[in-house]
C-alpha atoms as a PDB file:
ATOM      1  CA  UNK A   1      -7.047  -2.748   0.169  1.00  0.00           C
ATOM      2  CA  UNK A   2      -5.643   0.869  -0.898  1.00  0.00           C
ATOM      3  CA  UNK A   3      -4.983   3.674   1.301  1.00  0.00           C
ATOM      4  CA  UNK A   4      -3.874   7.467  -0.406  1.00  0.00           C
ATOM      5  CA  UNK A   5      -1.022   9.361   0.673  1.00  0.00           C
ATOM      6  CA  UNK A   6      -0.184  13.281  -0.072  1.00  0.00           C
ATOM      7  CA  UNK A   7       3.042  12.506   1.270  1.00  0.00           C
ATOM      8  CA  UNK A   8       4.656  11.575  -2.099  1.00  0.00           C
ATOM      9  CA  UNK A   9       4.895  14.783  -3.906  1.00  0.00           C
ATOM     10  CA  UNK A  10       1.569  15.861  -3.018  1.00  0.00           C
ATOM     11  CA  UNK A  11      -0.499  13.745  -5.431  1.00  0.00           C
ATOM     12  CA  UNK A  12      -3.206  13.474  -2.726  1.00  0.00           C
ATOM     13  CA  UNK A  13      -4.664  16.936  -2.030  1.00  0.00           C
ATOM     14  CA  UNK A  14      -7.900  16.093  -2.708  1.00  0.00           C
ATOM     15  CA  UNK A  15     -10.940  14.712  -0.128  1.00  0.00           C
ATOM     16  CA  UNK A  16     -11.410  11.206   0.943  1.00  0.00           C
ATOM     17  CA  UNK A  17     -14.451  11.322  -1.569  1.00  0.00           C
ATOM     18  CA  UNK A  18     -12.561  13.350  -4.484  1.00  0.00           C
ATOM     19  CA  UNK A  19      -9.842  10.459  -4.325  1.00  0.00           C
ATOM     20  CA  UNK A  20     -12.220   7.223  -4.379  1.00  0.00           C
ATOM     21  CA  UNK A  21     -14.457   8.771  -7.289  1.00  0.00           C
ATOM     22  CA  UNK A  22     -10.718   9.442  -8.903  1.00  0.00           C
ATOM     23  CA  UNK A  23      -9.699   5.976  -8.887  1.00  0.00           C
ATOM     24  CA  UNK A  24     -13.089   4.604  -9.875  1.00  0.00           C
ATOM     25  CA  UNK A  25     -13.575   6.166 -12.818  1.00  0.00           C
ATOM     26  CA  UNK A  26     -10.082   6.363 -13.961  1.00  0.00           C
ATOM     27  CA  UNK A  27      -8.681   2.960 -12.978  1.00  0.00           C
ATOM     28  CA  UNK A  28     -11.510   0.996 -11.832  1.00  0.00           C
ATOM     29  CA  UNK A  29     -10.917   0.463  -8.048  1.00  0.00           C
ATOM     30  CA  UNK A  30     -12.900  -2.453  -7.122  1.00  0.00           C
ATOM     31  CA  UNK A  31     -10.263  -3.082  -3.646  1.00  0.00           C
ATOM     32  CA  UNK A  32     -11.406  -1.144  -0.473  1.00  0.00           C
ATOM     33  CA  UNK A  33     -10.076   2.346   0.149  1.00  0.00           C
ATOM     34  CA  UNK A  34      -9.569   4.419   3.182  1.00  0.00           C
ATOM     35  CA  UNK A  35      -9.431   7.469   4.363  1.00  0.00           C
ATOM     36  CA  UNK A  36      -5.988   9.576   3.680  1.00  0.00           C
ATOM     37  CA  UNK A  37      -3.046   8.919   6.345  1.00  0.00           C
ATOM     38  CA  UNK A  38       0.515   9.429   6.134  1.00  0.00           C
ATOM     39  CA  UNK A  39       2.764   6.570   5.458  1.00  0.00           C
ATOM     40  CA  UNK A  40       5.836   7.749   6.673  1.00  0.00           C
ATOM     41  CA  UNK A  41       7.469   9.614   9.704  1.00  0.00           C
ATOM     42  CA  UNK A  42       6.271  10.768  13.091  1.00  0.00           C
ATOM     43  CA  UNK A  43       2.599  10.908  11.870  1.00  0.00           C
ATOM     44  CA  UNK A  44       2.716   7.843  10.032  1.00  0.00           C
ATOM     45  CA  UNK A  45      -0.886   5.392  10.783  1.00  0.00           C
ATOM     46  CA  UNK A  46       0.299   2.311  12.843  1.00  0.00           C
ATOM     47  CA  UNK A  47      -0.527   0.064  10.062  1.00  0.00           C
ATOM     48  CA  UNK A  48       2.575   0.863   8.229  1.00  0.00           C
ATOM     49  CA  UNK A  49       4.962   1.251  10.732  1.00  0.00           C
ATOM     50  CA  UNK A  50       4.475  -1.871  11.395  1.00  0.00           C
ATOM     51  CA  UNK A  51       4.421  -3.393   8.165  1.00  0.00           C
ATOM     52  CA  UNK A  52       7.575  -1.567   7.692  1.00  0.00           C
ATOM     53  CA  UNK A  53       9.601  -2.826  10.392  1.00  0.00           C
ATOM     54  CA  UNK A  54       8.024  -6.346   9.156  1.00  0.00           C
ATOM     55  CA  UNK A  55       9.367  -5.991   5.648  1.00  0.00           C
ATOM     56  CA  UNK A  56      12.023  -3.303   5.029  1.00  0.00           C
ATOM     57  CA  UNK A  57      13.697  -2.297   2.048  1.00  0.00           C
ATOM     58  CA  UNK A  58      16.125  -4.306   0.267  1.00  0.00           C
ATOM     59  CA  UNK A  59      18.497  -1.876   1.584  1.00  0.00           C
ATOM     60  CA  UNK A  60      17.345  -2.279   4.968  1.00  0.00           C
ATOM     61  CA  UNK A  61      15.787   1.125   5.385  1.00  0.00           C
ATOM     62  CA  UNK A  62      12.039   1.630   6.374  1.00  0.00           C
ATOM     63  CA  UNK A  63      10.007   4.473   4.901  1.00  0.00           C
ATOM     64  CA  UNK A  64       7.673   3.897   1.125  1.00  0.00           C
ATOM     65  CA  UNK A  65      10.003   5.348  -1.391  1.00  0.00           C
ATOM     66  CA  UNK A  66       6.701   6.557  -3.702  1.00  0.00           C
ATOM     67  CA  UNK A  67       3.623   5.913  -3.936  1.00  0.00           C
ATOM     68  CA  UNK A  68       2.016   1.853  -4.454  1.00  0.00           C
ATOM     69  CA  UNK A  69       4.592   0.154  -2.517  1.00  0.00           C
ATOM     70  CA  UNK A  70       2.586  -3.019  -2.024  1.00  0.00           C
ATOM     71  CA  UNK A  71       2.276  -5.421   1.140  1.00  0.00           C
ATOM     72  CA  UNK A  72       1.326  -8.949   1.395  1.00  0.00           C
ATOM     73  CA  UNK A  73       0.002 -10.226   4.543  1.00  0.00           C
ATOM     74  CA  UNK A  74      -0.819 -13.871   5.264  1.00  0.00           C
ATOM     75  CA  UNK A  75      -4.161 -14.410   7.433  1.00  0.00           C
ATOM     76  CA  UNK A  76      -2.087 -15.063  10.167  1.00  0.00           C
ATOM     77  CA  UNK A  77      -1.222 -10.831   9.750  1.00  0.00           C
ATOM     78  CA  UNK A  78       2.109 -11.903   9.005  1.00  0.00           C
ATOM     79  CA  UNK A  79       3.732  -9.529   6.186  1.00  0.00           C
ATOM     80  CA  UNK A  80       5.412 -11.961   4.215  1.00  0.00           C
ATOM     81  CA  UNK A  81       6.350  -9.619   0.757  1.00  0.00           C
ATOM     82  CA  UNK A  82       7.320  -6.064  -0.136  1.00  0.00           C
ATOM     83  CA  UNK A  83       6.850  -5.232  -3.413  1.00  0.00           C
ATOM     84  CA  UNK A  84       7.717  -1.609  -4.816  1.00  0.00           C
ATOM     85  CA  UNK A  85       5.849   0.827  -6.837  1.00  0.00           C
ATOM     86  CA  UNK A  86       6.231  -0.245 -10.631  1.00  0.00           C
ATOM     87  CA  UNK A  87       5.346  -4.182  -9.800  1.00  0.00           C
ATOM     88  CA  UNK A  88       1.460  -4.652 -10.798  1.00  0.00           C
ATOM     89  CA  UNK A  89      -0.807  -6.588  -9.376  1.00  0.00           C
ATOM     90  CA  UNK A  90      -0.705  -9.153 -12.384  1.00  0.00           C
ATOM     91  CA  UNK A  91       2.167  -9.632 -11.177  1.00  0.00           C
ATOM     92  CA  UNK A  92       2.360 -10.531  -7.662  1.00  0.00           C
ATOM     93  CA  UNK A  93      -0.883 -12.305  -8.564  1.00  0.00           C
ATOM     94  CA  UNK A  94       1.202 -16.041  -8.388  1.00  0.00           C
ATOM     95  CA  UNK A  95       1.830 -14.935  -4.908  1.00  0.00           C
ATOM     96  CA  UNK A  96      -1.831 -14.209  -3.947  1.00  0.00           C
ATOM     97  CA  UNK A  97      -2.771 -17.395  -5.001  1.00  0.00           C
ATOM     98  CA  UNK A  98      -0.376 -19.102  -2.963  1.00  0.00           C
ATOM     99  CA  UNK A  99      -1.091 -17.208   0.307  1.00  0.00           C
ATOM    100  CA  UNK A 100      -5.062 -17.661  -0.548  1.00  0.00           C
ATOM    101  CA  UNK A 101      -4.064 -21.882  -0.734  1.00  0.00           C
ATOM    102  CA  UNK A 102      -2.740 -21.996   2.142  1.00  0.00           C
END
């Protein structure tokens, strides 16, 4: 699932419809895209507050450092892992497969 956010270098200033068009045409995104939200600070969406509390960064901090951080959540809603911005979906495929088979 994708949640656009304009808190990182103002990279998502466009409307939700324009963002969806961009990611589907440029990156062939096929996963669900949701409305733009905030992920850090007082206005953070409750989902991201939950994710950050469950899986802080390696240094113990909680806020997302940049776009494209990823969280792996199992079928019971337990946050299993947090991945940095540069980790690709292909690199976490084995983790995803593991939790799909459990």
